Amino acid sequence: MEDDILTGQIIKWAFKVHNTLGFGFLEKVYENSLVIELENSGLKAEQQRAVKVLYDGRPVGDYVADVIVNDDVIVEIKSVSTLAKEHEVQLVNYLKATGKPRGLLVNFGRSLEVKRKYLSLR
């Protein structure tokens, strides 16, 4: 699936970052390192982009995306022992709020853990 080519590239660079840095840094260290790898590979990576959350067409709040790649994939970065269901729900809500078609939840824990999420509009 062509859609998974971009997410596959992001995952590849996340593995490189994890293999290089190992476990135990704050999320921001991994975020900054991943953005360097993404940009070095020719991808566009925006950090900490503010996104308006709308309800019934009206703004009700803001959230800040960790990384948005090629204005297409939201990457939510964690550095925790184990991902929780709440982390996945958070990413799905970000997809809904932005209308972005897909996202990656990347946990730089003891071993790299990645979850792909897709926005399904019904």
C-alpha atoms as a PDB file:
ATOM      1  CA  MET A   1       0.000   0.000   0.000  1.00  0.00           C
ATOM      2  CA  GLU A   2       1.492   3.325  -1.109  1.00  0.00           C
ATOM      3  CA  ASP A   3       0.184   5.056   2.026  1.00  0.00           C
ATOM      4  CA  ASP A   4       2.432   2.874   4.139  1.00  0.00           C
ATOM      5  CA  ILE A   5       5.619   3.839   2.280  1.00  0.00           C
ATOM      6  CA  LEU A   6       5.864   7.141   4.160  1.00  0.00           C
ATOM      7  CA  THR A   7       5.026   5.614   7.535  1.00  0.00           C
ATOM      8  CA  GLY A   8       7.567   2.865   6.809  1.00  0.00           C
ATOM      9  CA  GLN A   9      10.255   5.501   6.208  1.00  0.00           C
ATOM     10  CA  ILE A  10       9.378   7.260   9.463  1.00  0.00           C
ATOM     11  CA  ILE A  11       9.564   3.965  11.358  1.00  0.00           C
ATOM     12  CA  LYS A  12      12.952   3.199   9.793  1.00  0.00           C
ATOM     13  CA  TRP A  13      14.356   6.510  11.070  1.00  0.00           C
ATOM     14  CA  ALA A  14      12.763   5.975  14.493  1.00  0.00           C
ATOM     15  CA  PHE A  15      14.634   2.654  14.741  1.00  0.00           C
ATOM     16  CA  LYS A  16      17.880   4.411  13.832  1.00  0.00           C
ATOM     17  CA  VAL A  17      17.311   7.035  16.531  1.00  0.00           C
ATOM     18  CA  HIS A  18      16.456   4.367  19.113  1.00  0.00           C
ATOM     19  CA  ASN A  19      19.454   2.223  18.171  1.00  0.00           C
ATOM     20  CA  THR A  20      21.735   5.266  18.417  1.00  0.00           C
ATOM     21  CA  LEU A  21      20.413   6.853  21.626  1.00  0.00           C
ATOM     22  CA  GLY A  22      19.001   3.850  23.459  1.00  0.00           C
ATOM     23  CA  PHE A  23      16.412   4.121  26.218  1.00  0.00           C
ATOM     24  CA  GLY A  24      15.934   6.706  28.930  1.00  0.00           C
ATOM     25  CA  PHE A  25      15.900  10.179  27.404  1.00  0.00           C
ATOM     26  CA  LEU A  26      13.004  12.629  27.544  1.00  0.00           C
ATOM     27  CA  GLU A  27      10.575  12.645  24.631  1.00  0.00           C
ATOM     28  CA  LYS A  28      11.982  15.939  23.330  1.00  0.00           C
ATOM     29  CA  VAL A  29      15.424  14.385  22.762  1.00  0.00           C
ATOM     30  CA  TYR A  30      13.883  11.654  20.612  1.00  0.00           C
ATOM     31  CA  GLU A  31      11.646  14.146  18.820  1.00  0.00           C
ATOM     32  CA  ASN A  32      14.567  16.413  17.911  1.00  0.00           C
ATOM     33  CA  SER A  33      16.682  13.448  16.791  1.00  0.00           C
ATOM     34  CA  LEU A  34      13.892  11.971  14.677  1.00  0.00           C
ATOM     35  CA  VAL A  35      13.305  15.318  12.971  1.00  0.00           C
ATOM     36  CA  ILE A  36      17.016  15.504  12.065  1.00  0.00           C
ATOM     37  CA  GLU A  37      16.825  12.044  10.471  1.00  0.00           C
ATOM     38  CA  LEU A  38      13.587  12.857   8.631  1.00  0.00           C
ATOM     39  CA  GLU A  39      14.953  16.136   7.259  1.00  0.00           C
ATOM     40  CA  ASN A  40      18.276  14.514   6.304  1.00  0.00           C
ATOM     41  CA  SER A  41      16.291  11.980   4.267  1.00  0.00           C
ATOM     42  CA  GLY A  42      14.477  14.753   2.378  1.00  0.00           C
ATOM     43  CA  LEU A  43      11.171  14.662   4.236  1.00  0.00           C
ATOM     44  CA  LYS A  44       9.434  17.759   5.577  1.00  0.00           C
ATOM     45  CA  ALA A  45       9.036  17.549   9.355  1.00  0.00           C
ATOM     46  CA  GLU A  46       7.269  20.215  11.415  1.00  0.00           C
ATOM     47  CA  GLN A  47       7.710  20.166  15.175  1.00  0.00           C
ATOM     48  CA  GLN A  48       5.254  21.405  17.772  1.00  0.00           C
ATOM     49  CA  ARG A  49       2.695  22.683  15.257  1.00  0.00           C
ATOM     50  CA  ALA A  50      -0.353  24.214  16.921  1.00  0.00           C
ATOM     51  CA  VAL A  51      -3.645  22.791  15.712  1.00  0.00           C
ATOM     52  CA  LYS A  52      -7.111  24.186  16.457  1.00  0.00           C
ATOM     53  CA  VAL A  53      -9.694  21.733  17.714  1.00  0.00           C
ATOM     54  CA  LEU A  54     -13.177  22.479  16.418  1.00  0.00           C
ATOM     55  CA  TYR A  55     -16.572  21.495  17.753  1.00  0.00           C
ATOM     56  CA  ASP A  56     -19.621  22.185  15.629  1.00  0.00           C
ATOM     57  CA  GLY A  57     -17.394  24.347  13.448  1.00  0.00           C
ATOM     58  CA  ARG A  58     -16.192  26.509  16.345  1.00  0.00           C
ATOM     59  CA  PRO A  59     -12.783  26.496  18.028  1.00  0.00           C
ATOM     60  CA  VAL A  60     -12.847  24.857  21.460  1.00  0.00           C
ATOM     61  CA  GLY A  61      -9.156  24.442  22.137  1.00  0.00           C
ATOM     62  CA  ASP A  62      -5.713  23.829  20.797  1.00  0.00           C
ATOM     63  CA  TYR A  63      -3.281  20.984  20.834  1.00  0.00           C
ATOM     64  CA  VAL A  64       0.298  20.832  19.682  1.00  0.00           C
ATOM     65  CA  ALA A  65       1.389  17.998  17.397  1.00  0.00           C
ATOM     66  CA  ASP A  66       4.805  16.537  18.240  1.00  0.00           C
ATOM     67  CA  VAL A  67       5.766  16.099  14.568  1.00  0.00           C
ATOM     68  CA  ILE A  68       3.838  16.325  11.299  1.00  0.00           C
ATOM     69  CA  VAL A  69       5.628  14.727   8.336  1.00  0.00           C
ATOM     70  CA  ASN A  70       5.012  15.949   4.783  1.00  0.00           C
ATOM     71  CA  ASP A  71       1.841  17.646   6.076  1.00  0.00           C
ATOM     72  CA  ASP A  72       0.330  14.155   6.028  1.00  0.00           C
ATOM     73  CA  VAL A  73       1.335  11.968   9.002  1.00  0.00           C
ATOM     74  CA  ILE A  74       1.086  12.934  12.667  1.00  0.00           C
ATOM     75  CA  VAL A  75       3.834  11.386  14.792  1.00  0.00           C
ATOM     76  CA  GLU A  76       3.073  11.286  18.499  1.00  0.00           C
ATOM     77  CA  ILE A  77       6.213  10.544  20.490  1.00  0.00           C
ATOM     78  CA  LYS A  78       6.356   8.858  23.882  1.00  0.00           C
ATOM     79  CA  SER A  79       9.169   7.679  26.123  1.00  0.00           C
ATOM     80  CA  VAL A  80       7.397   5.404  28.580  1.00  0.00           C
ATOM     81  CA  SER A  81       7.796   1.835  29.822  1.00  0.00           C
ATOM     82  CA  THR A  82       4.622   0.666  28.099  1.00  0.00           C
ATOM     83  CA  LEU A  83       2.098   2.335  25.827  1.00  0.00           C
ATOM     84  CA  ALA A  84      -1.391   2.621  27.272  1.00  0.00           C
ATOM     85  CA  LYS A  85      -4.713   2.571  25.421  1.00  0.00           C
ATOM     86  CA  GLU A  86      -5.031   6.273  26.290  1.00  0.00           C
ATOM     87  CA  HIS A  87      -1.981   7.050  24.136  1.00  0.00           C
ATOM     88  CA  GLU A  88      -3.653   5.417  21.142  1.00  0.00           C
ATOM     89  CA  VAL A  89      -6.930   7.243  21.780  1.00  0.00           C
ATOM     90  CA  GLN A  90      -5.007  10.518  22.011  1.00  0.00           C
ATOM     91  CA  LEU A  91      -3.499   9.973  18.552  1.00  0.00           C
ATOM     92  CA  VAL A  92      -6.869   9.038  17.035  1.00  0.00           C
ATOM     93  CA  ASN A  93      -8.341  12.244  18.487  1.00  0.00           C
ATOM     94  CA  TYR A  94      -5.484  14.217  16.908  1.00  0.00           C
ATOM     95  CA  LEU A  95      -6.282  12.633  13.543  1.00  0.00           C
ATOM     96  CA  LYS A  96      -9.940  13.606  13.928  1.00  0.00           C
ATOM     97  CA  ALA A  97      -9.039  17.164  14.953  1.00  0.00           C
ATOM     98  CA  THR A  98      -6.705  17.712  12.010  1.00  0.00           C
ATOM     99  CA  GLY A  99      -8.275  15.557   9.321  1.00  0.00           C
ATOM    100  CA  LYS A 100      -4.858  14.006   8.697  1.00  0.00           C
ATOM    101  CA  PRO A 101      -5.287  10.515   7.231  1.00  0.00           C
ATOM    102  CA  ARG A 102      -2.806   8.616   9.377  1.00  0.00           C
ATOM    103  CA  GLY A 103      -0.602   8.772  12.389  1.00  0.00           C
ATOM    104  CA  LEU A 104       2.156   6.942  14.183  1.00  0.00           C
ATOM    105  CA  LEU A 105       2.460   6.476  17.907  1.00  0.00           C
ATOM    106  CA  VAL A 106       6.168   5.940  18.547  1.00  0.00           C
ATOM    107  CA  ASN A 107       7.374   4.872  21.973  1.00  0.00           C
ATOM    108  CA  PHE A 108      11.115   5.128  22.585  1.00  0.00           C
ATOM    109  CA  GLY A 109      10.894   2.749  25.548  1.00  0.00           C
ATOM    110  CA  ARG A 110      13.280  -0.109  26.340  1.00  0.00           C
ATOM    111  CA  SER A 111      12.489  -1.409  22.871  1.00  0.00           C
ATOM    112  CA  LEU A 112      10.950   0.713  20.128  1.00  0.00           C
ATOM    113  CA  GLU A 113       7.180   0.305  19.923  1.00  0.00           C
ATOM    114  CA  VAL A 114       5.150   1.702  17.013  1.00  0.00           C
ATOM    115  CA  LYS A 115       1.391   1.770  16.408  1.00  0.00           C
ATOM    116  CA  ARG A 116      -0.137   2.901  13.109  1.00  0.00           C
ATOM    117  CA  LYS A 117      -3.522   4.612  13.267  1.00  0.00           C
ATOM    118  CA  TYR A 118      -5.748   5.646  10.368  1.00  0.00           C
ATOM    119  CA  LEU A 119      -8.561   8.158  10.192  1.00  0.00           C
ATOM    120  CA  SER A 120     -11.662   6.491   8.875  1.00  0.00           C
ATOM    121  CA  LEU A 121     -14.332   8.935   7.817  1.00  0.00           C
ATOM    122  CA  ARG A 122     -17.752   7.354   7.785  1.00  0.00           C
END
